[in-house]
Amino acid sequence: MNLKINSRHVEVTPAMRTHLEAGMAKIRKHFDHVIDASAFLVVDNAKEKDLRQSAEITIHLKGKELFAEAHNADLYHAMDAVVDKLERQVVKHKEKIQDHHHEKHFE
C-alpha cells in the first residue's frame, strides 16, 4: 500500500510517519485490498484547543473511497482517532461485500 502524507503548519517527522504506518497496518490486517492512502496533518490556530490539531485520511479501495477526519489537542491522538474511524469503516465495507447469505437446502 502506498501512503502519502501531506501537512500544513507542521513538519512530518519520522516518528509521525511510523505512527501512521503502524495504524494503517491495523487497517490492512482487516482488509488488504487497499490500493493507496493519503493522509493530511494540520495544525491550525483555532480558538478551541481541542480542534487545533487534525488528521485526515483518505483510503482508495477498488470501486470505493473511504474518508475520515479527527481533531484533538494532541496530533498523535488525532492520528489514532482517525485510524480507529477508518478501521470501523473498512470492517463495515468488508462485511457488505462478503456474501453471508448461503442457500439452505432442506430435504
N, C-alpha and C. Protein backbone atom coordinates (compact mmCIF):
# COMPACT_ATOMS: atom_id res chain seq x y z
N MET A 1 0.85 -1.17 0.00
CA MET A 1 0.00 0.00 0.00
C MET A 1 0.89 1.24 0.00
N ASN A 2 0.52 2.20 -0.78
CA ASN A 2 1.26 3.44 -0.90
C ASN A 2 0.62 4.48 0.03
N LEU A 3 1.38 5.01 0.97
CA LEU A 3 0.90 6.02 1.91
C LEU A 3 1.58 7.34 1.62
N LYS A 4 0.78 8.36 1.30
CA LYS A 4 1.30 9.69 1.01
C LYS A 4 0.85 10.61 2.14
N ILE A 5 1.79 11.31 2.75
CA ILE A 5 1.49 12.18 3.88
C ILE A 5 1.79 13.62 3.50
N ASN A 6 0.77 14.48 3.61
CA ASN A 6 0.92 15.92 3.41
C ASN A 6 0.65 16.61 4.74
N SER A 7 1.14 17.83 4.88
CA SER A 7 0.92 18.54 6.14
C SER A 7 0.83 20.04 5.89
N ARG A 8 0.22 20.70 6.86
CA ARG A 8 0.14 22.16 6.83
C ARG A 8 0.50 22.68 8.21
N HIS A 9 1.47 23.56 8.30
CA HIS A 9 1.95 24.18 9.52
C HIS A 9 2.60 23.20 10.49
N VAL A 10 3.05 22.06 9.98
CA VAL A 10 3.76 21.10 10.81
C VAL A 10 4.68 20.29 9.90
N GLU A 11 5.86 19.98 10.42
CA GLU A 11 6.79 19.15 9.67
C GLU A 11 6.57 17.69 10.06
N VAL A 12 6.45 16.84 9.07
CA VAL A 12 6.21 15.41 9.32
C VAL A 12 7.54 14.78 9.71
N THR A 13 7.60 14.31 10.95
CA THR A 13 8.81 13.68 11.46
C THR A 13 8.77 12.19 11.15
N PRO A 14 9.92 11.53 11.20
CA PRO A 14 9.91 10.07 11.00
C PRO A 14 9.05 9.33 12.03
N ALA A 15 8.97 9.87 13.25
CA ALA A 15 8.13 9.24 14.28
C ALA A 15 6.65 9.33 13.89
N MET A 16 6.23 10.46 13.33
CA MET A 16 4.84 10.60 12.87
C MET A 16 4.56 9.63 11.73
N ARG A 17 5.51 9.51 10.81
CA ARG A 17 5.34 8.61 9.68
C ARG A 17 5.20 7.16 10.15
N THR A 18 6.06 6.72 11.06
CA THR A 18 5.98 5.34 11.55
C THR A 18 4.70 5.11 12.35
N HIS A 19 4.24 6.13 13.08
CA HIS A 19 2.99 6.01 13.83
C HIS A 19 1.81 5.81 12.88
N LEU A 20 1.77 6.58 11.81
CA LEU A 20 0.69 6.43 10.82
C LEU A 20 0.80 5.10 10.08
N GLU A 21 2.00 4.70 9.75
CA GLU A 21 2.18 3.41 9.06
C GLU A 21 1.74 2.25 9.94
N ALA A 22 1.99 2.34 11.24
CA ALA A 22 1.54 1.29 12.16
C ALA A 22 0.02 1.24 12.22
N GLY A 23 -0.62 2.41 12.20
CA GLY A 23 -2.08 2.45 12.19
C GLY A 23 -2.65 1.89 10.90
N MET A 24 -2.02 2.19 9.79
CA MET A 24 -2.50 1.66 8.51
C MET A 24 -2.28 0.16 8.43
N ALA A 25 -1.28 -0.36 9.13
CA ALA A 25 -1.07 -1.81 9.17
C ALA A 25 -2.25 -2.50 9.86
N LYS A 26 -2.84 -1.83 10.87
CA LYS A 26 -4.03 -2.38 11.52
C LYS A 26 -5.18 -2.47 10.53
N ILE A 27 -5.31 -1.49 9.67
CA ILE A 27 -6.39 -1.49 8.68
C ILE A 27 -6.14 -2.58 7.65
N ARG A 28 -4.89 -2.72 7.22
CA ARG A 28 -4.57 -3.76 6.23
C ARG A 28 -4.76 -5.16 6.80
N LYS A 29 -4.70 -5.30 8.11
CA LYS A 29 -4.92 -6.60 8.73
C LYS A 29 -6.37 -7.04 8.52
N HIS A 30 -7.30 -6.09 8.52
CA HIS A 30 -8.71 -6.39 8.29
C HIS A 30 -9.03 -6.57 6.81
N PHE A 31 -8.43 -5.74 5.98
CA PHE A 31 -8.80 -5.69 4.57
C PHE A 31 -7.57 -5.31 3.78
N ASP A 32 -7.02 -6.25 3.02
CA ASP A 32 -5.76 -6.00 2.34
C ASP A 32 -5.91 -5.53 0.90
N HIS A 33 -7.10 -5.14 0.49
CA HIS A 33 -7.32 -4.67 -0.88
C HIS A 33 -7.24 -3.14 -0.99
N VAL A 34 -6.48 -2.53 -0.11
CA VAL A 34 -6.30 -1.08 -0.14
C VAL A 34 -5.30 -0.74 -1.24
N ILE A 35 -5.72 0.12 -2.17
CA ILE A 35 -4.85 0.49 -3.28
C ILE A 35 -3.81 1.51 -2.80
N ASP A 36 -4.28 2.63 -2.29
CA ASP A 36 -3.36 3.61 -1.71
C ASP A 36 -4.11 4.46 -0.69
N ALA A 37 -3.35 5.23 0.07
CA ALA A 37 -3.92 6.08 1.11
C ALA A 37 -3.19 7.40 1.13
N SER A 38 -3.91 8.45 1.47
CA SER A 38 -3.28 9.76 1.61
C SER A 38 -3.72 10.37 2.94
N ALA A 39 -2.76 10.89 3.67
CA ALA A 39 -3.01 11.49 4.97
C ALA A 39 -2.68 12.97 4.90
N PHE A 40 -3.45 13.76 5.66
CA PHE A 40 -3.24 15.20 5.69
C PHE A 40 -3.24 15.62 7.15
N LEU A 41 -2.12 16.11 7.64
CA LEU A 41 -1.97 16.53 9.04
C LEU A 41 -1.94 18.05 9.09
N VAL A 42 -2.78 18.64 9.97
CA VAL A 42 -2.93 20.09 10.02
C VAL A 42 -2.82 20.57 11.46
N VAL A 43 -2.09 21.65 11.65
CA VAL A 43 -2.07 22.36 12.92
C VAL A 43 -2.58 23.76 12.63
N ASP A 44 -3.74 24.08 13.20
CA ASP A 44 -4.35 25.40 12.99
C ASP A 44 -4.29 26.22 14.26
N ASN A 45 -4.64 27.47 14.13
CA ASN A 45 -4.70 28.36 15.27
C ASN A 45 -6.16 28.58 15.65
N ALA A 46 -6.86 27.50 15.94
CA ALA A 46 -8.27 27.59 16.30
C ALA A 46 -8.41 28.09 17.73
N LYS A 47 -9.57 28.68 18.02
CA LYS A 47 -9.79 29.19 19.38
C LYS A 47 -9.94 28.06 20.38
N GLU A 48 -10.60 26.99 19.98
CA GLU A 48 -10.75 25.85 20.87
C GLU A 48 -9.50 24.98 20.78
N LYS A 49 -8.91 24.68 21.92
CA LYS A 49 -7.67 23.92 21.92
C LYS A 49 -7.86 22.50 21.40
N ASP A 50 -9.06 21.92 21.60
CA ASP A 50 -9.30 20.55 21.15
C ASP A 50 -9.36 20.43 19.64
N LEU A 51 -9.56 21.54 18.94
CA LEU A 51 -9.70 21.49 17.49
C LEU A 51 -8.46 21.98 16.76
N ARG A 52 -7.39 22.23 17.46
CA ARG A 52 -6.21 22.80 16.82
C ARG A 52 -5.46 21.83 15.92
N GLN A 53 -5.39 20.58 16.29
CA GLN A 53 -4.61 19.62 15.53
C GLN A 53 -5.57 18.61 14.93
N SER A 54 -5.46 18.41 13.64
CA SER A 54 -6.38 17.48 12.98
C SER A 54 -5.63 16.57 12.02
N ALA A 55 -6.23 15.41 11.81
CA ALA A 55 -5.68 14.42 10.89
C ALA A 55 -6.81 13.94 9.99
N GLU A 56 -6.53 13.85 8.70
CA GLU A 56 -7.50 13.36 7.72
C GLU A 56 -6.82 12.25 6.92
N ILE A 57 -7.55 11.17 6.68
CA ILE A 57 -7.02 10.09 5.86
C ILE A 57 -8.07 9.69 4.85
N THR A 58 -7.65 9.52 3.60
CA THR A 58 -8.49 9.02 2.54
C THR A 58 -7.88 7.71 2.05
N ILE A 59 -8.71 6.67 2.01
CA ILE A 59 -8.26 5.36 1.54
C ILE A 59 -8.97 5.05 0.23
N HIS A 60 -8.21 4.65 -0.77
CA HIS A 60 -8.77 4.28 -2.07
C HIS A 60 -8.84 2.76 -2.15
N LEU A 61 -10.05 2.25 -2.25
CA LEU A 61 -10.27 0.82 -2.43
C LEU A 61 -10.73 0.58 -3.85
N LYS A 62 -10.88 -0.65 -4.21
CA LYS A 62 -11.37 -0.97 -5.55
C LYS A 62 -12.86 -0.57 -5.64
N GLY A 63 -13.14 0.50 -6.37
CA GLY A 63 -14.50 0.95 -6.57
C GLY A 63 -15.07 1.77 -5.42
N LYS A 64 -14.27 2.12 -4.43
CA LYS A 64 -14.78 2.85 -3.27
C LYS A 64 -13.67 3.71 -2.69
N GLU A 65 -14.08 4.79 -2.05
CA GLU A 65 -13.14 5.68 -1.39
C GLU A 65 -13.67 5.96 0.01
N LEU A 66 -12.86 5.76 1.03
CA LEU A 66 -13.26 5.98 2.41
C LEU A 66 -12.49 7.18 2.95
N PHE A 67 -13.18 8.02 3.75
CA PHE A 67 -12.58 9.24 4.28
C PHE A 67 -12.95 9.36 5.75
N ALA A 68 -11.99 9.82 6.56
CA ALA A 68 -12.25 10.10 7.97
C ALA A 68 -11.35 11.24 8.41
N GLU A 69 -11.84 12.00 9.38
CA GLU A 69 -11.02 13.04 9.97
C GLU A 69 -11.28 13.11 11.46
N ALA A 70 -10.29 13.58 12.20
CA ALA A 70 -10.40 13.69 13.65
C ALA A 70 -9.61 14.90 14.12
N HIS A 71 -10.13 15.52 15.19
CA HIS A 71 -9.48 16.69 15.78
C HIS A 71 -9.15 16.36 17.24
N ASN A 72 -8.03 16.89 17.71
CA ASN A 72 -7.65 16.69 19.09
C ASN A 72 -6.60 17.73 19.44
N ALA A 73 -6.35 17.88 20.74
CA ALA A 73 -5.30 18.80 21.18
C ALA A 73 -3.92 18.25 20.89
N ASP A 74 -3.80 16.92 20.81
CA ASP A 74 -2.54 16.26 20.51
C ASP A 74 -2.63 15.60 19.14
N LEU A 75 -1.63 15.80 18.31
CA LEU A 75 -1.66 15.28 16.94
C LEU A 75 -1.62 13.76 16.91
N TYR A 76 -0.90 13.14 17.82
CA TYR A 76 -0.84 11.68 17.85
C TYR A 76 -2.20 11.08 18.22
N HIS A 77 -2.92 11.73 19.14
CA HIS A 77 -4.27 11.26 19.48
C HIS A 77 -5.22 11.44 18.31
N ALA A 78 -5.05 12.51 17.56
CA ALA A 78 -5.88 12.72 16.37
C ALA A 78 -5.59 11.65 15.33
N MET A 79 -4.32 11.28 15.16
CA MET A 79 -3.99 10.22 14.21
C MET A 79 -4.59 8.88 14.65
N ASP A 80 -4.53 8.58 15.96
CA ASP A 80 -5.12 7.35 16.46
C ASP A 80 -6.63 7.33 16.24
N ALA A 81 -7.28 8.46 16.49
CA ALA A 81 -8.73 8.53 16.34
C ALA A 81 -9.15 8.35 14.89
N VAL A 82 -8.42 8.95 13.96
CA VAL A 82 -8.78 8.83 12.55
C VAL A 82 -8.53 7.40 12.05
N VAL A 83 -7.50 6.74 12.55
CA VAL A 83 -7.26 5.35 12.17
C VAL A 83 -8.38 4.46 12.71
N ASP A 84 -8.83 4.72 13.94
CA ASP A 84 -9.93 3.93 14.51
C ASP A 84 -11.21 4.11 13.71
N LYS A 85 -11.49 5.35 13.29
CA LYS A 85 -12.69 5.61 12.48
C LYS A 85 -12.61 4.87 11.14
N LEU A 86 -11.44 4.93 10.52
CA LEU A 86 -11.28 4.23 9.24
C LEU A 86 -11.35 2.72 9.41
N GLU A 87 -10.84 2.23 10.51
CA GLU A 87 -10.90 0.80 10.76
C GLU A 87 -12.35 0.32 10.84
N ARG A 88 -13.20 1.09 11.52
CA ARG A 88 -14.62 0.74 11.59
C ARG A 88 -15.27 0.78 10.21
N GLN A 89 -14.91 1.78 9.40
CA GLN A 89 -15.47 1.88 8.05
C GLN A 89 -15.03 0.71 7.18
N VAL A 90 -13.78 0.31 7.30
CA VAL A 90 -13.27 -0.79 6.49
C VAL A 90 -13.94 -2.10 6.88
N VAL A 91 -14.13 -2.33 8.19
CA VAL A 91 -14.81 -3.55 8.63
C VAL A 91 -16.24 -3.57 8.12
N LYS A 92 -16.91 -2.43 8.16
CA LYS A 92 -18.29 -2.36 7.66
C LYS A 92 -18.33 -2.61 6.15
N HIS A 93 -17.38 -2.04 5.41
CA HIS A 93 -17.32 -2.25 3.97
C HIS A 93 -17.03 -3.71 3.65
N LYS A 94 -16.15 -4.32 4.40
CA LYS A 94 -15.80 -5.73 4.19
C LYS A 94 -17.01 -6.62 4.41
N GLU A 95 -17.79 -6.33 5.44
CA GLU A 95 -18.99 -7.12 5.71
C GLU A 95 -20.03 -6.95 4.61
N LYS A 96 -20.11 -5.78 4.03
CA LYS A 96 -21.07 -5.54 2.96
C LYS A 96 -20.71 -6.32 1.70
N ILE A 97 -19.44 -6.41 1.38
CA ILE A 97 -19.07 -7.06 0.12
C ILE A 97 -19.01 -8.57 0.24
N GLN A 98 -18.93 -9.08 1.46
CA GLN A 98 -18.93 -10.54 1.62
C GLN A 98 -20.36 -11.04 1.59
N ASP A 99 -20.55 -12.21 1.03
CA ASP A 99 -21.87 -12.80 0.95
C ASP A 99 -22.07 -13.71 2.15
N HIS A 100 -22.94 -13.27 3.07
CA HIS A 100 -23.22 -14.06 4.26
C HIS A 100 -24.49 -14.89 4.12
N HIS A 101 -25.22 -14.70 3.05
CA HIS A 101 -26.48 -15.40 2.86
C HIS A 101 -26.27 -16.63 1.99
N HIS A 102 -26.12 -17.75 2.62
CA HIS A 102 -25.93 -19.00 1.90
C HIS A 102 -27.29 -19.67 1.74
N GLU A 103 -27.47 -20.30 0.62
CA GLU A 103 -28.73 -21.01 0.40
C GLU A 103 -28.76 -22.26 1.25
N LYS A 104 -29.88 -22.45 1.91
CA LYS A 104 -30.03 -23.64 2.75
C LYS A 104 -30.85 -24.66 1.97
N HIS A 105 -30.38 -25.87 1.94
CA HIS A 105 -31.07 -26.94 1.24
C HIS A 105 -31.82 -27.80 2.25
N PHE A 106 -33.13 -27.81 2.14
CA PHE A 106 -33.95 -28.62 3.04
C PHE A 106 -34.37 -29.89 2.31
N GLU A 107 -34.33 -30.99 3.01
CA GLU A 107 -34.75 -32.26 2.41
C GLU A 107 -35.92 -32.81 3.14
